[in-house]
C-alpha atoms as a PDB file:
ATOM      1  CA  UNK A   1      82.862 -21.227 -74.785  1.00  0.00           C
ATOM      2  CA  UNK A   2      79.067 -20.611 -74.814  1.00  0.00           C
ATOM      3  CA  UNK A   3      78.505 -24.309 -74.227  1.00  0.00           C
ATOM      4  CA  UNK A   4      80.787 -24.234 -71.242  1.00  0.00           C
ATOM      5  CA  UNK A   5      79.085 -21.128 -69.929  1.00  0.00           C
ATOM      6  CA  UNK A   6      75.570 -22.747 -70.462  1.00  0.00           C
ATOM      7  CA  UNK A   7      76.814 -25.803 -68.688  1.00  0.00           C
ATOM      8  CA  UNK A   8      78.092 -23.709 -65.919  1.00  0.00           C
ATOM      9  CA  UNK A   9      74.679 -21.912 -65.778  1.00  0.00           C
ATOM     10  CA  UNK A  10      72.950 -25.211 -65.507  1.00  0.00           C
ATOM     11  CA  UNK A  11      75.268 -26.397 -62.705  1.00  0.00           C
ATOM     12  CA  UNK A  12      74.864 -23.140 -60.885  1.00  0.00           C
ATOM     13  CA  UNK A  13      71.040 -23.374 -61.109  1.00  0.00           C
ATOM     14  CA  UNK A  14      71.191 -26.952 -59.735  1.00  0.00           C
ATOM     15  CA  UNK A  15      73.415 -25.857 -56.943  1.00  0.00           C
ATOM     16  CA  UNK A  16      71.016 -22.929 -56.343  1.00  0.00           C
ATOM     17  CA  UNK A  17      68.080 -25.355 -56.135  1.00  0.00           C
ATOM     18  CA  UNK A  18      69.938 -27.649 -53.785  1.00  0.00           C
ATOM     19  CA  UNK A  19      70.854 -24.630 -51.602  1.00  0.00           C
ATOM     20  CA  UNK A  20      67.255 -23.321 -51.643  1.00  0.00           C
ATOM     21  CA  UNK A  21      65.876 -26.836 -50.711  1.00  0.00           C
ATOM     22  CA  UNK A  22      68.414 -27.112 -47.914  1.00  0.00           C
ATOM     23  CA  UNK A  23      67.517 -23.524 -46.871  1.00  0.00           C
ATOM     24  CA  UNK A  24      63.725 -24.364 -46.801  1.00  0.00           C
ATOM     25  CA  UNK A  25      64.415 -27.490 -44.709  1.00  0.00           C
ATOM     26  CA  UNK A  26      66.607 -25.499 -42.277  1.00  0.00           C
ATOM     27  CA  UNK A  27      63.773 -22.837 -41.980  1.00  0.00           C
ATOM     28  CA  UNK A  28      61.212 -25.540 -41.417  1.00  0.00           C
ATOM     29  CA  UNK A  29      63.296 -27.154 -38.734  1.00  0.00           C
ATOM     30  CA  UNK A  30      64.035 -23.761 -37.166  1.00  0.00           C
ATOM     31  CA  UNK A  31      60.236 -23.096 -37.123  1.00  0.00           C
ATOM     32  CA  UNK A  32      59.672 -26.536 -35.480  1.00  0.00           C
ATOM     33  CA  UNK A  33      62.231 -25.792 -32.847  1.00  0.00           C
ATOM     34  CA  UNK A  34      60.858 -22.375 -32.028  1.00  0.00           C
ATOM     35  CA  UNK A  35      57.364 -23.880 -31.538  1.00  0.00           C
ATOM     36  CA  UNK A  36      58.866 -26.500 -29.365  1.00  0.00           C
ATOM     37  CA  UNK A  37      60.635 -23.924 -27.316  1.00  0.00           C
ATOM     38  CA  UNK A  38      57.325 -21.922 -26.916  1.00  0.00           C
ATOM     39  CA  UNK A  39      55.546 -25.031 -25.699  1.00  0.00           C
ATOM     40  CA  UNK A  40      58.449 -25.821 -23.215  1.00  0.00           C
ATOM     41  CA  UNK A  41      58.289 -22.271 -21.987  1.00  0.00           C
ATOM     42  CA  UNK A  42      54.568 -22.393 -21.481  1.00  0.00           C
ATOM     43  CA  UNK A  43      54.804 -25.752 -19.639  1.00  0.00           C
ATOM     44  CA  UNK A  44      57.673 -24.450 -17.388  1.00  0.00           C
ATOM     45  CA  UNK A  45      55.642 -21.382 -16.464  1.00  0.00           C
ATOM     46  CA  UNK A  46      52.659 -23.532 -15.756  1.00  0.00           C
ATOM     47  CA  UNK A  47      54.598 -25.846 -13.436  1.00  0.00           C
ATOM     48  CA  UNK A  48      56.296 -22.837 -11.803  1.00  0.00           C
ATOM     49  CA  UNK A  49      52.817 -21.358 -11.007  1.00  0.00           C
ATOM     50  CA  UNK A  50      51.704 -24.746  -9.749  1.00  0.00           C
ATOM     51  CA  UNK A  51      54.633 -25.196  -7.399  1.00  0.00           C
ATOM     52  CA  UNK A  52      54.503 -21.629  -6.185  1.00  0.00           C
ATOM     53  CA  UNK A  53      50.833 -22.078  -5.219  1.00  0.00           C
ATOM     54  CA  UNK A  54      51.772 -25.323  -3.445  1.00  0.00           C
ATOM     55  CA  UNK A  55      54.564 -23.618  -1.449  1.00  0.00           C
ATOM     56  CA  UNK A  56      52.187 -20.759  -0.471  1.00  0.00           C
ATOM     57  CA  UNK A  57      49.536 -23.296   0.652  1.00  0.00           C
ATOM     58  CA  UNK A  58      52.169 -25.108   2.704  1.00  0.00           C
ATOM     59  CA  UNK A  59      53.376 -21.864   4.244  1.00  0.00           C
ATOM     60  CA  UNK A  60      49.824 -20.908   5.202  1.00  0.00           C
ATOM     61  CA  UNK A  61      49.321 -24.416   6.643  1.00  0.00           C
ATOM     62  CA  UNK A  62      52.470 -24.203   8.529  1.00  0.00           C
ATOM     63  CA  UNK A  63      51.744 -20.730   9.989  1.00  0.00           C
ATOM     64  CA  UNK A  64      48.330 -22.065  11.110  1.00  0.00           C
ATOM     65  CA  UNK A  65      49.996 -25.106  12.795  1.00  0.00           C
ATOM     66  CA  UNK A  66      52.382 -22.768  14.553  1.00  0.00           C
ATOM     67  CA  UNK A  67      49.620 -20.631  15.868  1.00  0.00           C
ATOM     68  CA  UNK A  68      47.790 -23.680  17.161  1.00  0.00           C
ATOM     69  CA  UNK A  69      50.969 -25.044  18.751  1.00  0.00           C
ATOM     70  CA  UNK A  70      51.805 -21.724  20.401  1.00  0.00           C
ATOM     71  CA  UNK A  71      48.204 -21.572  21.734  1.00  0.00           C
ATOM     72  CA  UNK A  72      48.494 -25.014  23.173  1.00  0.00           C
ATOM     73  CA  UNK A  73      51.915 -24.243  24.570  1.00  0.00           C
ATOM     74  CA  UNK A  74      50.641 -21.048  26.441  1.00  0.00           C
ATOM     75  CA  UNK A  75      47.768 -23.129  27.733  1.00  0.00           C
ATOM     76  CA  UNK A  76      50.255 -25.714  29.117  1.00  0.00           C
ATOM     77  CA  UNK A  77      52.358 -22.919  30.590  1.00  0.00           C
ATOM     78  CA  UNK A  78      49.339 -21.616  32.390  1.00  0.00           C
ATOM     79  CA  UNK A  79      48.542 -25.104  33.721  1.00  0.00           C
ATOM     80  CA  UNK A  80      52.106 -25.582  34.749  1.00  0.00           C
ATOM     81  CA  UNK A  81      51.957 -22.255  36.790  1.00  0.00           C
ATOM     82  CA  UNK A  82      48.704 -23.410  38.376  1.00  0.00           C
ATOM     83  CA  UNK A  83      50.469 -26.637  39.369  1.00  0.00           C
ATOM     84  CA  UNK A  84      53.390 -24.643  40.869  1.00  0.00           C
ATOM     85  CA  UNK A  85      51.104 -22.441  42.718  1.00  0.00           C
ATOM     86  CA  UNK A  86      49.180 -25.341  44.054  1.00  0.00           C
ATOM     87  CA  UNK A  87      52.399 -27.148  45.150  1.00  0.00           C
ATOM     88  CA  UNK A  88      53.781 -23.919  46.620  1.00  0.00           C
ATOM     89  CA  UNK A  89      50.680 -23.327  48.652  1.00  0.00           C
ATOM     90  CA  UNK A  90      50.758 -26.988  49.832  1.00  0.00           C
ATOM     91  CA  UNK A  91      54.404 -26.599  50.778  1.00  0.00           C
ATOM     92  CA  UNK A  92      53.762 -23.436  52.691  1.00  0.00           C
ATOM     93  CA  UNK A  93      50.966 -24.949  54.641  1.00  0.00           C
ATOM     94  CA  UNK A  94      53.254 -27.902  55.429  1.00  0.00           C
ATOM     95  CA  UNK A  95      56.175 -25.725  56.601  1.00  0.00           C
ATOM     96  CA  UNK A  96      53.871 -23.753  58.840  1.00  0.00           C
ATOM     97  CA  UNK A  97      52.850 -26.858  60.663  1.00  0.00           C
ATOM     98  CA  UNK A  98      56.400 -28.361  60.710  1.00  0.00           C
ATOM     99  CA  UNK A  99      56.507 -28.394  64.589  1.00  0.00           C
ATOM    100  CA  UNK A 100      53.743 -30.947  64.829  1.00  0.00           C
ATOM    101  CA  UNK A 101      52.677 -33.938  62.912  1.00  0.00           C
ATOM    102  CA  UNK A 102      49.964 -33.178  60.376  1.00  0.00           C
ATOM    103  CA  UNK A 103      47.225 -35.305  59.024  1.00  0.00           C
ATOM    104  CA  UNK A 104      47.301 -36.407  55.468  1.00  0.00           C
ATOM    105  CA  UNK A 105      44.675 -34.361  53.590  1.00  0.00           C
ATOM    106  CA  UNK A 106      43.400 -36.578  50.775  1.00  0.00           C
ATOM    107  CA  UNK A 107      41.658 -34.293  48.441  1.00  0.00           C
ATOM    108  CA  UNK A 108      40.331 -36.545  45.780  1.00  0.00           C
ATOM    109  CA  UNK A 109      39.150 -33.880  43.306  1.00  0.00           C
ATOM    110  CA  UNK A 110      42.574 -32.202  43.147  1.00  0.00           C
ATOM    111  CA  UNK A 111      44.190 -35.539  42.556  1.00  0.00           C
ATOM    112  CA  UNK A 112      41.816 -36.347  39.772  1.00  0.00           C
ATOM    113  CA  UNK A 113      42.353 -32.948  38.218  1.00  0.00           C
ATOM    114  CA  UNK A 114      46.039 -33.466  38.418  1.00  0.00           C
ATOM    115  CA  UNK A 115      45.663 -36.784  36.727  1.00  0.00           C
ATOM    116  CA  UNK A 116      43.430 -35.283  34.118  1.00  0.00           C
ATOM    117  CA  UNK A 117      45.998 -32.612  33.370  1.00  0.00           C
ATOM    118  CA  UNK A 118      48.818 -35.070  33.106  1.00  0.00           C
ATOM    119  CA  UNK A 119      46.778 -37.208  30.667  1.00  0.00           C
ATOM    120  CA  UNK A 120      45.879 -34.114  28.680  1.00  0.00           C
ATOM    121  CA  UNK A 121      49.506 -33.006  28.503  1.00  0.00           C
ATOM    122  CA  UNK A 122      50.416 -36.512  27.207  1.00  0.00           C
ATOM    123  CA  UNK A 123      47.779 -36.381  24.594  1.00  0.00           C
ATOM    124  CA  UNK A 124      48.795 -32.869  23.439  1.00  0.00           C
ATOM    125  CA  UNK A 125      52.434 -34.006  23.187  1.00  0.00           C
ATOM    126  CA  UNK A 126      51.341 -36.891  21.087  1.00  0.00           C
ATOM    127  CA  UNK A 127      49.158 -34.526  18.853  1.00  0.00           C
ATOM    128  CA  UNK A 128      52.122 -32.159  18.483  1.00  0.00           C
ATOM    129  CA  UNK A 129      54.353 -35.018  17.376  1.00  0.00           C
ATOM    130  CA  UNK A 130      51.717 -36.252  14.896  1.00  0.00           C
ATOM    131  CA  UNK A 131      51.349 -32.689  13.476  1.00  0.00           C
ATOM    132  CA  UNK A 132      55.070 -32.458  13.146  1.00  0.00           C
ATOM    133  CA  UNK A 133      55.404 -35.896  11.488  1.00  0.00           C
ATOM    134  CA  UNK A 134      52.482 -34.997   9.035  1.00  0.00           C
ATOM    135  CA  UNK A 135      54.068 -31.719   8.307  1.00  0.00           C
ATOM    136  CA  UNK A 136      57.436 -33.281   7.539  1.00  0.00           C
ATOM    137  CA  UNK A 137      55.733 -35.856   5.299  1.00  0.00           C
ATOM    138  CA  UNK A 138      53.969 -33.165   3.386  1.00  0.00           C
ATOM    139  CA  UNK A 139      57.175 -31.257   2.942  1.00  0.00           C
ATOM    140  CA  UNK A 140      58.836 -34.342   1.591  1.00  0.00           C
ATOM    141  CA  UNK A 141      56.042 -35.135  -0.776  1.00  0.00           C
ATOM    142  CA  UNK A 142      56.151 -31.456  -2.124  1.00  0.00           C
ATOM    143  CA  UNK A 143      59.978 -31.892  -2.842  1.00  0.00           C
END
Protein backbone atom coordinates (compact mmCIF):
# COMPACT_ATOMS: atom_id res chain seq x y z
CA UNK A 1 0.00 0.00 0.00
CA UNK A 2 2.88 2.36 0.70
CA UNK A 3 4.29 1.62 -2.78
CA UNK A 4 0.93 2.48 -4.29
CA UNK A 5 0.77 5.69 -2.30
CA UNK A 6 4.36 6.58 -3.31
CA UNK A 7 3.49 5.86 -6.93
CA UNK A 8 0.38 8.03 -6.54
CA UNK A 9 2.54 10.82 -5.01
CA UNK A 10 4.95 10.63 -7.95
CA UNK A 11 2.03 10.78 -10.42
CA UNK A 12 0.50 13.70 -8.57
CA UNK A 13 3.87 15.53 -8.56
CA UNK A 14 4.21 14.96 -12.31
CA UNK A 15 0.66 16.22 -12.85
CA UNK A 16 1.42 19.19 -10.61
CA UNK A 17 4.55 20.01 -12.66
CA UNK A 18 2.61 19.72 -15.91
CA UNK A 19 -0.14 21.96 -14.53
CA UNK A 20 2.41 24.52 -13.30
CA UNK A 21 4.15 24.48 -16.69
CA UNK A 22 0.82 25.04 -18.46
CA UNK A 23 -0.04 27.75 -15.92
CA UNK A 24 3.27 29.53 -16.60
CA UNK A 25 2.70 29.30 -20.35
CA UNK A 26 -0.80 30.73 -19.96
CA UNK A 27 0.48 33.54 -17.72
CA UNK A 28 3.18 34.40 -20.25
CA UNK A 29 0.65 34.31 -23.09
CA UNK A 30 -1.68 36.50 -21.02
CA UNK A 31 1.13 38.99 -20.37
CA UNK A 32 1.94 39.10 -24.10
CA UNK A 33 -1.72 39.71 -24.97
CA UNK A 34 -2.01 42.51 -22.39
CA UNK A 35 1.11 44.19 -23.81
CA UNK A 36 -0.32 43.89 -27.32
CA UNK A 37 -3.60 45.38 -26.13
CA UNK A 38 -1.77 48.34 -24.59
CA UNK A 39 0.12 48.92 -27.85
CA UNK A 40 -3.12 48.76 -29.83
CA UNK A 41 -4.82 51.19 -27.45
CA UNK A 42 -1.87 53.56 -27.71
CA UNK A 43 -1.91 53.41 -31.50
CA UNK A 44 -5.68 53.89 -31.58
CA UNK A 45 -5.45 56.99 -29.40
CA UNK A 46 -2.65 58.33 -31.57
CA UNK A 47 -4.71 57.83 -34.72
CA UNK A 48 -7.78 59.32 -33.07
CA UNK A 49 -5.77 62.45 -32.16
CA UNK A 50 -4.39 62.65 -35.69
CA UNK A 51 -7.81 62.45 -37.35
CA UNK A 52 -9.36 64.86 -34.87
CA UNK A 53 -6.63 67.35 -35.71
CA UNK A 54 -7.27 66.83 -39.43
CA UNK A 55 -11.01 67.35 -38.97
CA UNK A 56 -10.38 70.54 -36.99
CA UNK A 57 -8.03 71.84 -39.68
CA UNK A 58 -10.60 71.03 -42.36
CA UNK A 59 -13.32 72.78 -40.37
CA UNK A 60 -11.18 75.93 -40.04
CA UNK A 61 -10.36 75.83 -43.76
CA UNK A 62 -14.03 75.42 -44.64
CA UNK A 63 -15.04 78.33 -42.41
CA UNK A 64 -12.40 80.55 -44.05
CA UNK A 65 -13.61 79.55 -47.49
CA UNK A 66 -17.19 80.28 -46.50
CA UNK A 67 -16.21 83.76 -45.29
CA UNK A 68 -14.36 84.44 -48.53
CA UNK A 69 -17.34 83.19 -50.55
CA UNK A 70 -19.76 85.28 -48.53
CA UNK A 71 -17.61 88.37 -49.02
CA UNK A 72 -17.42 87.77 -52.76
CA UNK A 73 -21.15 87.15 -52.89
CA UNK A 74 -21.87 90.42 -51.09
CA UNK A 75 -19.60 92.28 -53.49
CA UNK A 76 -21.41 90.72 -56.41
CA UNK A 77 -24.77 91.68 -54.92
CA UNK A 78 -23.57 95.28 -54.62
CA UNK A 79 -22.45 95.27 -58.24
CA UNK A 80 -25.78 93.81 -59.27
CA UNK A 81 -27.57 96.64 -57.46
CA UNK A 82 -25.33 99.12 -59.23
CA UNK A 83 -26.29 97.52 -62.55
CA UNK A 84 -29.97 97.68 -61.66
CA UNK A 85 -29.69 101.32 -60.64
CA UNK A 86 -27.83 102.11 -63.83
CA UNK A 87 -30.43 100.32 -65.94
CA UNK A 88 -33.28 101.91 -64.02
CA UNK A 89 -31.84 105.37 -64.49
CA UNK A 90 -31.36 104.65 -68.20
CA UNK A 91 -34.95 103.36 -68.48
CA UNK A 92 -36.38 106.42 -66.72
CA UNK A 93 -34.51 108.76 -69.00
CA UNK A 94 -35.84 106.83 -71.99
CA UNK A 95 -39.44 106.95 -70.69
CA UNK A 96 -39.27 110.68 -70.12
CA UNK A 97 -38.30 111.23 -73.71
CA UNK A 98 -40.77 108.68 -75.09
CA UNK A 99 -42.67 111.28 -77.13
CA UNK A 100 -39.75 112.03 -79.37
CA UNK A 101 -37.01 110.02 -80.90
CA UNK A 102 -33.84 110.06 -78.92
CA UNK A 103 -30.30 109.81 -79.99
CA UNK A 104 -28.34 106.76 -79.05
CA UNK A 105 -25.94 107.67 -76.32
CA UNK A 106 -22.83 105.63 -76.74
CA UNK A 107 -21.01 105.85 -73.48
CA UNK A 108 -17.92 103.77 -74.08
CA UNK A 109 -16.62 103.85 -70.52
CA UNK A 110 -19.87 102.45 -69.07
CA UNK A 111 -19.92 99.70 -71.65
CA UNK A 112 -16.35 98.76 -70.86
CA UNK A 113 -17.13 98.81 -67.16
CA UNK A 114 -20.08 96.48 -67.69
CA UNK A 115 -17.92 94.16 -69.77
CA UNK A 116 -15.25 94.13 -67.06
CA UNK A 117 -17.86 93.33 -64.43
CA UNK A 118 -19.28 90.51 -66.49
CA UNK A 119 -15.80 89.10 -66.99
CA UNK A 120 -15.04 89.45 -63.30
CA UNK A 121 -18.31 87.70 -62.40
CA UNK A 122 -17.41 84.83 -64.72
CA UNK A 123 -13.95 84.54 -63.19
CA UNK A 124 -15.39 84.59 -59.66
CA UNK A 125 -17.87 81.86 -60.57
CA UNK A 126 -15.01 79.75 -61.91
CA UNK A 127 -12.99 80.40 -58.74
CA UNK A 128 -15.94 79.41 -56.55
CA UNK A 129 -16.40 76.21 -58.54
CA UNK A 130 -12.69 75.40 -58.25
CA UNK A 131 -12.75 76.06 -54.50
CA UNK A 132 -15.77 73.79 -54.12
CA UNK A 133 -14.12 71.04 -56.19
CA UNK A 134 -10.87 71.31 -54.21
CA UNK A 135 -12.81 71.24 -50.97
CA UNK A 136 -14.74 68.14 -52.01
CA UNK A 137 -11.51 66.42 -53.07
CA UNK A 138 -9.91 67.23 -49.72
CA UNK A 139 -12.95 65.86 -47.91
CA UNK A 140 -12.73 62.67 -49.94
CA UNK A 141 -9.03 62.28 -49.19
CA UNK A 142 -9.71 62.70 -45.49
CA UNK A 143 -12.23 59.88 -45.58
